[in-house]
Amino acid sequence: MLDLTKNEEQLRRAVQRARERSIIIPTFRQQKAPELIPDKIKAELKNTGLWDIDSLNLFRITWKNEPVNHGGLFGPVNYIEMPREITGVDARIIGLIGRWFPTGSHKVGATFGCLVPGLITGQFDPTCHKAVWPSTGNYCRGGAYDAVLLACDSVAILPEEMSRERFDWLSNIAGEVITTPGGESNVKEIFDKCRELKRNRKDIVIFNQFDEPGNYLWHYEVTGQAMFEMLLEVMSDKDSFAGIVLTTGSAGTLGSGDYLKEVFPGCKIAVGEPLQCPTLMLNGYGEHRIEGIGDKHVPWIHNIRNTDMVMCIDDSNCVNLIRLFNEPTGKEYLVKQGVPEKTVDNLHLLGISGVGNLISAVKFCKYYELSKNEFVVTVFTDSMELYGSRLKEYSEKYGKYTENDAIKDYHRYLMGISTVHMLELSYYDKKRIHNLKYYTWIEQQGKDVKELNAQWHDYPEYWKKVQAKTAEIDRLINEFNEKTGLLNNL
């Protein structure tokens, strides 16, 4: 549960640090509705780059950034709809775009939701603590970035096999970068490193995305609201909302599904995972290549009882499709197949996990035989800007991308997406998956089994208590800003 108990002594130091560094913290309400941001801050943002190391960019932690790299303000929710020539289905698949967040991924929102409650309560003291960000990629990037903007030191932890772009960027942002063995699915090794640091260092606070309620809460409030507004924009009275489809990852983004289910009670929440590591589907394990999806465990913040389906996606689909979507020959072939050129030009907005979400959404539509008046929502977490080295690696490994490759990939991995490896969850399927939390979180990480039981037996009240924290967090943010006095000086 999210603890907002104050440590007044440390809070005074945090306020003083913010005052000295001219840091104003946005509220969740402002992130949902940027029109509420003070005009003087908007005026300064007109001269600020999207990725600049500037505390003003805390106000760009929103789905509504103008899609430009420098000087943009705010507009409607950033999204892209995938046409039938891409999906092969009549149903309408729409994805929120993470590219237009600072760092190029929505993880800056998740990390904001984790770090800021610590700052505004004094539980995290920026004058003596370092924020530790255990991650398989974008979370530690977002955490390191937010930490710098909030004048905090940070430690990034991620597997050694992640893309080169992640390490190159982190080397200039994070105070420390620690690598752990393995790749995307080696999450336990990250947890082991955190436990080692906790034993040996007194200057750290660990923000583990897989168990931080702030991760879930930010997506419930901000991402959920963005999805709802987007649906209001695109749906008519004749349309219906079928469901939200996301790969599991840290399960934070799934909080938006809980929000949408309150608004559309008949919709479904479907969760994808790699076929090579089918933890939810088969209690399985393995290695895979879909960067952005941690696995071999069930995240503590995954509300299993509200999940309706799990499915597996083959990492070969993702690897082949990022080549089809980004290699010049692949893009030319897509145009020949009738894909609008505007869509082809925007396919770089889907990184590897974004392609995984697209595949999952198509499987969902085919399984339920959805019609042209039914909508499905997903998230395109990041863009290929973060995976250029992977394209180079695959070119070196598999050779130059040809039209024959494009024909194969389009028809086999896109039009040929099937409904195999999908499971509608019964009550006891959900309970089986929930019970897997015990081994990671109770036996290994020392959490209280009473809280584990509360997640199941006190459903949905347990999750509603987390969701109810937003108003209190916003109140504490406003109090913090008032103590710094910076808003009065604008």
Protein backbone atom coordinates (compact mmCIF):
# COMPACT_ATOMS: atom_id res chain seq x y z
CA MET A 1 0.00 0.00 0.00
CA LEU A 2 1.17 3.54 -0.75
CA ASP A 3 2.46 5.12 2.47
CA LEU A 4 2.27 8.94 2.63
CA THR A 5 3.49 9.38 6.21
CA LYS A 6 5.63 12.51 6.57
CA ASN A 7 9.22 12.74 7.82
CA GLU A 8 9.26 16.43 8.67
CA GLU A 9 13.03 16.83 9.11
CA GLN A 10 13.84 15.25 5.76
CA LEU A 11 10.93 17.09 4.14
CA ARG A 12 12.43 20.44 5.17
CA ARG A 13 15.68 19.50 3.45
CA ALA A 14 13.82 18.38 0.31
CA VAL A 15 11.92 21.69 0.19
CA GLN A 16 15.16 23.64 0.63
CA ARG A 17 16.81 21.67 -2.20
CA ALA A 18 13.85 22.37 -4.50
CA ARG A 19 13.92 26.07 -3.60
CA GLU A 20 17.64 26.31 -4.34
CA ARG A 21 17.27 24.50 -7.70
CA SER A 22 14.03 26.30 -8.73
CA ILE A 23 12.04 23.05 -8.94
CA ILE A 24 8.25 23.21 -9.17
CA ILE A 25 6.47 19.84 -9.15
CA PRO A 26 3.36 19.32 -11.32
CA THR A 27 0.28 17.63 -9.90
CA PHE A 28 -1.34 14.54 -11.40
CA ARG A 29 -4.23 16.84 -12.29
CA GLN A 30 -1.94 19.04 -14.38
CA GLN A 31 -0.46 16.00 -16.10
CA LYS A 32 -3.97 14.93 -17.07
CA ALA A 33 -5.01 18.47 -18.04
CA PRO A 34 -1.96 20.54 -19.09
CA GLU A 35 -4.19 23.56 -19.70
CA LEU A 36 -4.00 24.00 -15.90
CA ILE A 37 -0.24 24.59 -16.04
CA PRO A 38 0.65 28.24 -15.23
CA ASP A 39 1.10 30.41 -18.33
CA LYS A 40 4.60 31.52 -17.30
CA ILE A 41 5.77 27.91 -17.24
CA LYS A 42 4.26 27.34 -20.68
CA ALA A 43 6.08 30.43 -21.96
CA GLU A 44 9.40 29.06 -20.74
CA LEU A 45 8.70 25.65 -22.27
CA LYS A 46 8.60 27.32 -25.69
CA ASN A 47 12.39 27.59 -25.43
CA THR A 48 12.97 24.13 -23.97
CA GLY A 49 13.82 20.89 -25.79
CA LEU A 50 11.72 17.81 -25.11
CA TRP A 51 14.69 15.87 -23.70
CA ASP A 52 16.50 18.82 -22.09
CA ILE A 53 17.78 18.38 -18.55
CA ASP A 54 15.53 21.08 -17.21
CA SER A 55 13.05 20.80 -14.34
CA LEU A 56 10.48 22.53 -16.55
CA ASN A 57 10.18 19.22 -18.40
CA LEU A 58 8.47 17.74 -15.35
CA PHE A 59 5.43 19.51 -16.82
CA ARG A 60 5.87 17.52 -20.04
CA ILE A 61 5.16 14.24 -18.25
CA THR A 62 1.84 13.92 -20.06
CA TRP A 63 0.31 12.14 -23.04
CA LYS A 64 -0.62 15.53 -24.49
CA ASN A 65 2.72 16.97 -25.56
CA GLU A 66 2.85 18.67 -28.92
CA PRO A 67 4.71 16.11 -31.10
CA VAL A 68 7.87 18.15 -31.69
CA ASN A 69 11.38 17.86 -30.29
CA HIS A 70 11.78 21.46 -29.17
CA GLY A 71 9.54 24.19 -27.83
CA GLY A 72 6.25 22.32 -28.02
CA LEU A 73 3.34 22.96 -25.72
CA PHE A 74 0.22 20.81 -25.41
CA GLY A 75 -2.72 19.54 -27.41
CA PRO A 76 -4.89 16.42 -27.60
CA VAL A 77 -3.72 12.94 -26.60
CA ASN A 78 -1.02 11.56 -28.90
CA TYR A 79 -2.23 8.37 -30.58
CA ILE A 80 -2.14 6.51 -33.87
CA GLU A 81 -4.76 4.22 -35.39
CA MET A 82 -3.54 1.20 -37.31
CA PRO A 83 -5.39 0.64 -40.63
CA ARG A 84 -6.77 -2.69 -41.80
CA GLU A 85 -3.86 -2.99 -44.27
CA ILE A 86 -1.60 -3.35 -41.22
CA THR A 87 -3.82 -5.28 -38.82
CA GLY A 88 -5.78 -7.52 -41.18
CA VAL A 89 -8.90 -7.04 -39.01
CA ASP A 90 -12.02 -4.90 -39.24
CA ALA A 91 -11.90 -3.77 -35.62
CA ARG A 92 -10.20 -0.45 -34.92
CA ILE A 93 -6.91 -0.70 -33.04
CA ILE A 94 -5.60 2.53 -31.53
CA GLY A 95 -2.36 2.99 -29.58
CA LEU A 96 -1.19 5.84 -27.35
CA ILE A 97 2.24 7.08 -28.45
CA GLY A 98 5.04 7.12 -25.87
CA ARG A 99 7.62 8.73 -28.18
CA TRP A 100 6.55 12.25 -27.24
CA PHE A 101 7.44 11.99 -23.57
CA PRO A 102 10.85 13.24 -22.42
CA THR A 103 13.30 10.31 -22.94
CA GLY A 104 10.96 8.94 -25.62
CA SER A 105 9.00 6.63 -23.32
CA HIS A 106 6.07 6.92 -20.90
CA LYS A 107 8.23 5.43 -18.15
CA VAL A 108 9.05 8.97 -17.01
CA GLY A 109 5.45 9.00 -15.80
CA ALA A 110 5.74 5.73 -13.92
CA THR A 111 8.95 6.87 -12.22
CA PHE A 112 7.40 10.25 -11.38
CA GLY A 113 4.62 8.34 -9.63
CA CYS A 114 7.21 6.44 -7.60
CA LEU A 115 9.72 9.17 -6.67
CA VAL A 116 7.53 12.22 -6.07
CA PRO A 117 5.48 10.73 -3.19
CA GLY A 118 8.80 10.09 -1.41
CA LEU A 119 9.96 13.67 -1.95
CA ILE A 120 6.75 15.42 -0.90
CA THR A 121 6.50 13.37 2.30
CA GLY A 122 10.20 13.54 3.18
CA GLN A 123 10.57 9.77 3.00
CA PHE A 124 13.21 10.40 0.31
CA ASP A 125 15.86 12.97 1.20
CA PRO A 126 17.65 14.27 -1.92
CA THR A 127 20.50 15.61 0.20
CA CYS A 128 21.59 12.16 1.38
CA HIS A 129 19.67 9.47 -0.53
CA LYS A 130 20.20 8.00 -3.97
CA ALA A 131 17.25 6.67 -5.95
CA VAL A 132 17.84 3.14 -7.23
CA TRP A 133 16.00 2.20 -10.44
CA PRO A 134 16.03 -1.57 -11.12
CA SER A 135 14.86 -2.15 -14.67
CA THR A 136 15.19 -3.97 -17.96
CA GLY A 137 15.42 -0.67 -19.83
CA ASN A 138 13.14 2.33 -20.04
CA TYR A 139 12.17 2.45 -16.38
CA CYS A 140 15.72 3.14 -15.21
CA ARG A 141 16.08 5.71 -18.02
CA GLY A 142 12.91 7.45 -16.89
CA GLY A 143 13.94 7.22 -13.26
CA ALA A 144 17.41 8.65 -13.84
CA TYR A 145 15.92 11.48 -15.90
CA ASP A 146 13.26 12.39 -13.35
CA ALA A 147 15.84 12.19 -10.58
CA VAL A 148 18.09 14.72 -12.32
CA LEU A 149 15.15 17.06 -12.89
CA LEU A 150 14.25 16.76 -9.20
CA ALA A 151 17.88 17.31 -8.08
CA CYS A 152 18.30 13.74 -6.83
CA ASP A 153 21.19 11.33 -7.34
CA SER A 154 20.37 7.98 -8.93
CA VAL A 155 21.62 4.46 -9.54
CA ALA A 156 20.42 2.61 -12.66
CA ILE A 157 20.41 -1.20 -12.72
CA LEU A 158 19.75 -3.14 -15.91
CA PRO A 159 20.83 -6.36 -17.68
CA GLU A 160 24.04 -6.28 -19.68
CA GLU A 161 22.36 -7.51 -22.88
CA MET A 162 19.97 -4.57 -23.28
CA SER A 163 20.30 -2.26 -26.31
CA ARG A 164 23.41 -0.11 -26.59
CA GLU A 165 21.32 3.07 -26.80
CA ARG A 166 20.13 2.58 -23.23
CA PHE A 167 23.65 2.36 -21.81
CA ASP A 168 25.02 5.24 -23.88
CA TRP A 169 22.26 7.56 -22.70
CA LEU A 170 22.39 6.47 -19.06
CA SER A 171 26.14 7.02 -18.87
CA ASN A 172 25.48 10.76 -19.19
CA ILE A 173 22.45 10.94 -16.87
CA ALA A 174 22.66 8.42 -14.02
CA GLY A 175 25.22 8.85 -11.27
CA GLU A 176 25.90 5.11 -11.34
CA VAL A 177 25.06 2.40 -13.84
CA ILE A 178 25.17 -1.21 -12.64
CA THR A 179 24.82 -4.12 -15.06
CA THR A 180 23.49 -7.53 -14.12
CA PRO A 181 23.84 -10.87 -15.96
CA GLY A 182 21.53 -11.81 -18.81
CA GLY A 183 18.88 -10.02 -20.81
CA GLU A 184 15.23 -9.06 -20.82
CA SER A 185 13.90 -12.00 -18.80
CA ASN A 186 16.59 -11.96 -16.10
CA VAL A 187 14.62 -9.94 -13.56
CA LYS A 188 15.59 -11.99 -10.50
CA GLU A 189 19.23 -11.03 -11.02
CA ILE A 190 18.19 -7.39 -10.80
CA PHE A 191 16.30 -8.07 -7.57
CA ASP A 192 19.36 -9.88 -6.18
CA LYS A 193 21.53 -6.85 -6.90
CA CYS A 194 19.01 -4.61 -5.12
CA ARG A 195 19.08 -6.86 -2.07
CA GLU A 196 22.89 -6.73 -2.07
CA LEU A 197 22.88 -2.93 -2.28
CA LYS A 198 20.32 -2.70 0.51
CA ARG A 199 22.55 -4.80 2.77
CA ASN A 200 25.70 -2.83 2.10
CA ARG A 201 24.61 0.77 1.60
CA LYS A 202 22.66 3.17 3.78
CA ASP A 203 22.40 5.95 1.19
CA ILE A 204 19.90 4.30 -1.16
CA VAL A 205 16.15 4.05 -1.59
CA ILE A 206 15.00 1.37 -4.04
CA PHE A 207 12.08 2.15 -6.33
CA ASN A 208 11.20 -1.25 -7.76
CA GLN A 209 8.71 -0.74 -10.60
CA PHE A 210 7.30 -4.25 -10.13
CA ASP A 211 6.05 -3.54 -6.61
CA GLU A 212 5.75 0.27 -6.45
CA PRO A 213 2.08 1.30 -6.13
CA GLY A 214 3.01 4.72 -7.53
CA ASN A 215 3.70 3.04 -10.89
CA TYR A 216 0.21 1.52 -10.95
CA LEU A 217 -1.40 4.72 -9.65
CA TRP A 218 0.17 7.05 -12.24
CA HIS A 219 -1.07 4.86 -15.09
CA TYR A 220 -4.49 4.42 -13.50
CA GLU A 221 -4.93 8.19 -13.22
CA VAL A 222 -3.00 9.71 -16.12
CA THR A 223 -2.87 6.98 -18.76
CA GLY A 224 -6.39 5.78 -18.01
CA GLN A 225 -7.78 9.31 -18.36
CA ALA A 226 -5.83 9.84 -21.62
CA MET A 227 -7.28 6.63 -23.08
CA PHE A 228 -10.79 7.64 -22.06
CA GLU A 229 -10.45 11.07 -23.68
CA MET A 230 -9.06 9.49 -26.84
CA LEU A 231 -12.01 7.10 -27.05
CA LEU A 232 -14.48 9.93 -26.58
CA GLU A 233 -12.83 11.65 -29.54
CA VAL A 234 -12.92 8.70 -31.96
CA MET A 235 -16.03 6.71 -31.01
CA SER A 236 -19.57 7.42 -32.20
CA ASP A 237 -22.84 6.37 -30.58
CA LYS A 238 -22.83 3.26 -32.77
CA ASP A 239 -19.40 2.11 -31.58
CA SER A 240 -18.38 0.06 -28.55
CA PHE A 241 -15.16 -0.41 -26.62
CA ALA A 242 -14.07 -4.05 -26.58
CA GLY A 243 -10.95 -3.93 -24.46
CA ILE A 244 -7.40 -2.90 -23.67
CA VAL A 245 -4.48 -5.13 -24.67
CA LEU A 246 -1.00 -4.71 -23.18
CA THR A 247 2.09 -6.80 -22.64
CA THR A 248 2.57 -7.37 -18.95
CA GLY A 249 5.94 -5.65 -18.30
CA SER A 250 5.92 -4.23 -14.78
CA ALA A 251 2.09 -4.31 -14.89
CA GLY A 252 2.01 -0.58 -14.16
CA THR A 253 0.37 0.33 -17.48
CA LEU A 254 -2.33 -2.24 -16.73
CA GLY A 255 -3.59 0.21 -14.12
CA SER A 256 -5.11 2.12 -17.03
CA GLY A 257 -7.18 -0.99 -17.75
CA ASP A 258 -8.65 -0.83 -14.26
CA TYR A 259 -9.67 2.78 -14.99
CA LEU A 260 -11.29 1.89 -18.32
CA LYS A 261 -13.20 -1.01 -16.80
CA GLU A 262 -14.86 1.41 -14.41
CA VAL A 263 -15.99 3.55 -17.35
CA PHE A 264 -16.77 0.62 -19.69
CA PRO A 265 -17.76 -2.27 -17.38
CA GLY A 266 -18.22 -4.70 -20.27
CA CYS A 267 -14.72 -4.32 -21.69
CA LYS A 268 -11.90 -6.81 -21.22
CA ILE A 269 -8.27 -6.55 -20.10
CA ALA A 270 -5.93 -8.83 -22.05
CA VAL A 271 -2.26 -9.35 -21.21
CA GLY A 272 0.47 -10.48 -23.57
CA GLU A 273 3.80 -12.11 -22.76
CA PRO A 274 6.57 -13.77 -24.80
CA LEU A 275 5.94 -17.30 -26.05
CA GLN A 276 9.55 -18.01 -25.13
CA CYS A 277 8.82 -17.17 -21.48
CA PRO A 278 5.16 -18.06 -20.77
CA THR A 279 5.01 -17.26 -17.05
CA LEU A 280 1.33 -16.30 -16.83
CA MET A 281 0.17 -18.88 -19.35
CA LEU A 282 2.15 -21.92 -18.21
CA ASN A 283 4.11 -20.94 -15.09
CA GLY A 284 6.97 -21.06 -17.60
CA TYR A 285 10.42 -19.55 -18.02
CA GLY A 286 12.94 -18.82 -20.75
CA GLU A 287 14.83 -16.15 -22.67
CA HIS A 288 13.34 -13.80 -25.27
CA ARG A 289 14.08 -10.72 -27.39
CA ILE A 290 11.14 -8.39 -26.72
CA GLU A 291 12.85 -5.57 -24.85
CA GLY A 292 10.49 -3.85 -22.46
CA ILE A 293 8.80 -6.90 -20.94
CA GLY A 294 10.27 -8.25 -17.69
CA ASP A 295 9.15 -11.73 -16.73
CA LYS A 296 9.72 -15.06 -14.93
CA HIS A 297 7.55 -13.59 -12.19
CA VAL A 298 4.19 -11.93 -11.61
CA PRO A 299 4.50 -8.24 -10.65
CA TRP A 300 3.19 -7.37 -7.19
CA ILE A 301 1.12 -4.51 -8.65
CA HIS A 302 -0.66 -6.67 -11.26
CA ASN A 303 -4.36 -6.74 -10.38
CA ILE A 304 -4.88 -10.32 -11.53
CA ARG A 305 -8.55 -10.53 -10.56
CA ASN A 306 -9.35 -7.80 -13.07
CA THR A 307 -7.50 -9.54 -15.94
CA ASP A 308 -9.61 -11.47 -18.46
CA MET A 309 -7.13 -13.05 -20.86
CA VAL A 310 -3.46 -13.92 -21.26
CA MET A 311 -1.77 -14.66 -24.56
CA CYS A 312 1.72 -15.45 -25.83
CA ILE A 313 3.48 -13.72 -28.70
CA ASP A 314 6.51 -15.12 -30.50
CA ASP A 315 9.54 -12.85 -30.27
CA SER A 316 10.31 -13.77 -33.90
CA ASN A 317 7.18 -11.85 -34.89
CA CYS A 318 8.49 -8.71 -33.19
CA VAL A 319 12.03 -9.01 -34.55
CA ASN A 320 10.85 -9.54 -38.13
CA LEU A 321 8.23 -6.83 -37.99
CA ILE A 322 10.57 -4.11 -36.77
CA ARG A 323 12.61 -4.80 -39.91
CA LEU A 324 9.52 -4.73 -42.11
CA PHE A 325 8.38 -1.47 -40.52
CA ASN A 326 11.75 0.31 -40.62
CA GLU A 327 13.92 -1.03 -43.47
CA PRO A 328 13.45 1.01 -46.70
CA THR A 329 12.55 -2.11 -48.71
CA GLY A 330 9.99 -3.15 -46.11
CA LYS A 331 8.34 0.27 -46.11
CA GLU A 332 8.17 0.26 -49.91
CA TYR A 333 6.44 -3.12 -49.85
CA LEU A 334 3.91 -1.92 -47.28
CA VAL A 335 2.95 0.94 -49.59
CA LYS A 336 2.47 -1.58 -52.41
CA GLN A 337 0.05 -3.45 -50.14
CA GLY A 338 -2.08 -0.37 -49.79
CA VAL A 339 -0.83 0.87 -46.42
CA PRO A 340 -1.21 4.67 -46.41
CA GLU A 341 2.15 6.42 -46.74
CA LYS A 342 1.37 8.51 -43.66
CA THR A 343 1.01 5.31 -41.63
CA VAL A 344 4.23 3.89 -43.04
CA ASP A 345 6.05 7.10 -42.14
CA ASN A 346 4.81 6.73 -38.54
CA LEU A 347 5.69 3.06 -37.98
CA HIS A 348 9.00 4.09 -36.40
CA LEU A 349 6.85 5.19 -33.44
CA LEU A 350 6.54 1.51 -32.48
CA GLY A 351 9.55 0.10 -30.64
CA ILE A 352 9.96 -3.63 -30.07
CA SER A 353 7.47 -3.85 -27.19
CA GLY A 354 5.10 -1.56 -29.12
CA VAL A 355 5.11 -4.09 -31.95
CA GLY A 356 4.43 -6.75 -29.32
CA ASN A 357 1.39 -4.78 -28.17
CA LEU A 358 0.18 -4.44 -31.77
CA ILE A 359 0.45 -8.20 -32.33
CA SER A 360 -1.39 -8.87 -29.07
CA ALA A 361 -4.18 -6.48 -30.06
CA VAL A 362 -4.61 -8.20 -33.43
CA LYS A 363 -4.79 -11.61 -31.75
CA PHE A 364 -7.44 -10.24 -29.38
CA CYS A 365 -9.52 -8.89 -32.29
CA LYS A 366 -9.31 -12.16 -34.21
CA TYR A 367 -10.15 -14.28 -31.16
CA TYR A 368 -13.34 -12.34 -30.41
CA GLU A 369 -14.15 -11.77 -34.12
CA LEU A 370 -14.57 -8.06 -33.50
CA SER A 371 -16.38 -5.88 -36.01
CA LYS A 372 -15.64 -2.47 -37.55
CA ASN A 373 -17.64 -0.74 -34.82
CA GLU A 374 -15.55 -2.14 -31.99
CA PHE A 375 -12.45 -0.43 -30.60
CA VAL A 376 -9.35 -1.88 -28.97
CA VAL A 377 -6.74 0.25 -27.18
CA THR A 378 -3.06 -0.45 -26.61
CA VAL A 379 0.15 1.53 -25.97
CA PHE A 380 3.16 2.07 -28.21
CA THR A 381 5.53 2.45 -25.29
CA ASP A 382 8.59 3.80 -27.09
CA SER A 383 9.97 4.17 -30.60
CA MET A 384 12.69 2.66 -32.79
CA GLU A 385 14.83 5.64 -31.85
CA LEU A 386 15.90 3.48 -28.90
CA TYR A 387 16.66 0.37 -30.98
CA GLY A 388 18.73 1.50 -33.94
CA SER A 389 21.56 -0.78 -32.85
CA ARG A 390 19.19 -3.76 -33.02
CA LEU A 391 18.40 -3.07 -36.69
CA LYS A 392 22.11 -2.88 -37.42
CA GLU A 393 22.68 -6.10 -35.48
CA TYR A 394 19.96 -7.95 -37.39
CA SER A 395 21.29 -6.68 -40.73
CA GLU A 396 24.73 -8.00 -39.86
CA LYS A 397 23.32 -11.31 -38.66
CA TYR A 398 20.66 -12.00 -41.29
CA GLY A 399 21.91 -9.95 -44.24
CA LYS A 400 20.45 -7.09 -46.27
CA TYR A 401 16.67 -6.80 -46.09
CA THR A 402 15.13 -7.68 -49.46
CA GLU A 403 11.67 -7.56 -51.00
CA ASN A 404 11.43 -11.33 -50.53
CA ASP A 405 12.02 -10.77 -46.82
CA ALA A 406 9.29 -8.13 -46.81
CA ILE A 407 6.83 -10.45 -48.58
CA LYS A 408 7.53 -13.21 -46.06
CA ASP A 409 7.31 -10.95 -43.02
CA TYR A 410 4.15 -9.16 -44.14
CA HIS A 411 2.18 -12.30 -44.90
CA ARG A 412 3.58 -14.61 -42.24
CA TYR A 413 4.16 -12.34 -39.25
CA LEU A 414 1.52 -9.67 -39.86
CA MET A 415 -1.38 -11.00 -41.93
CA GLY A 416 -0.71 -14.49 -40.55
CA ILE A 417 -1.15 -13.56 -36.88
CA SER A 418 -3.21 -16.37 -35.36
CA THR A 419 -5.22 -17.07 -32.22
CA VAL A 420 -2.96 -19.81 -30.88
CA HIS A 421 -1.55 -19.55 -27.35
CA MET A 422 -4.48 -17.61 -25.90
CA LEU A 423 -6.32 -18.31 -22.66
CA GLU A 424 -9.54 -16.77 -21.32
CA LEU A 425 -9.06 -16.77 -17.56
CA SER A 426 -11.45 -18.59 -15.27
CA TYR A 427 -11.62 -17.74 -11.57
CA TYR A 428 -9.11 -20.47 -10.77
CA ASP A 429 -6.82 -19.51 -13.66
CA LYS A 430 -6.61 -16.07 -12.09
CA LYS A 431 -6.01 -17.53 -8.66
CA ARG A 432 -3.20 -19.74 -10.02
CA ILE A 433 -1.44 -16.71 -11.51
CA HIS A 434 -1.99 -14.63 -8.38
CA ASN A 435 -0.52 -17.39 -6.22
CA LEU A 436 2.73 -17.21 -8.22
CA LYS A 437 3.37 -13.88 -6.52
CA TYR A 438 4.08 -15.79 -3.32
CA TYR A 439 7.37 -17.24 -4.50
CA THR A 440 8.86 -13.97 -5.73
CA TRP A 441 7.44 -11.49 -3.26
CA ILE A 442 6.97 -13.39 0.00
CA GLU A 443 9.75 -15.99 -0.12
CA GLN A 444 12.37 -13.94 -1.99
CA GLN A 445 11.52 -10.30 -1.27
CA GLY A 446 10.09 -10.58 2.22
CA LYS A 447 6.70 -8.97 1.73
CA ASP A 448 3.79 -9.63 4.08
CA VAL A 449 1.61 -12.56 3.07
CA LYS A 450 -1.36 -10.75 4.63
CA GLU A 451 -1.12 -8.08 1.94
CA LEU A 452 -0.86 -10.75 -0.75
CA ASN A 453 -4.06 -12.29 0.58
CA ALA A 454 -5.70 -8.87 0.77
CA GLN A 455 -5.05 -8.30 -2.94
CA TRP A 456 -7.20 -11.35 -3.62
CA HIS A 457 -9.73 -11.63 -0.82
CA ASP A 458 -10.29 -7.88 -0.31
CA TYR A 459 -10.82 -7.30 -4.02
CA PRO A 460 -11.63 -4.70 -5.25
CA GLU A 461 -11.30 -2.64 -2.04
CA TYR A 462 -7.52 -3.20 -1.87
CA TRP A 463 -7.01 -1.57 -5.27
CA LYS A 464 -9.53 1.18 -4.60
CA LYS A 465 -7.47 2.23 -1.59
CA VAL A 466 -4.45 2.70 -3.86
CA GLN A 467 -6.53 4.58 -6.44
CA ALA A 468 -7.89 6.89 -3.74
CA LYS A 469 -4.39 8.25 -2.96
CA THR A 470 -4.35 10.64 -5.94
CA ALA A 471 -6.13 13.50 -4.23
CA GLU A 472 -3.84 13.29 -1.20
CA ILE A 473 -0.71 13.21 -3.39
CA ASP A 474 -1.87 16.30 -5.30
CA ARG A 475 -2.60 18.07 -2.00
CA LEU A 476 0.91 17.24 -0.74
CA ILE A 477 2.47 18.41 -4.03
CA ASN A 478 0.66 21.73 -3.68
CA GLU A 479 1.84 22.04 -0.07
CA PHE A 480 5.42 21.28 -1.15
CA ASN A 481 5.29 23.94 -3.89
CA GLU A 482 3.84 26.47 -1.45
CA LYS A 483 6.71 25.82 0.98
CA THR A 484 9.30 26.49 -1.72
CA GLY A 485 7.57 29.76 -2.58
CA LEU A 486 8.49 29.39 -6.24
CA LEU A 487 4.96 29.53 -7.66
CA ASN A 488 4.43 32.92 -6.04
CA ASN A 489 7.51 34.26 -7.81
CA LEU A 490 6.42 33.30 -11.33
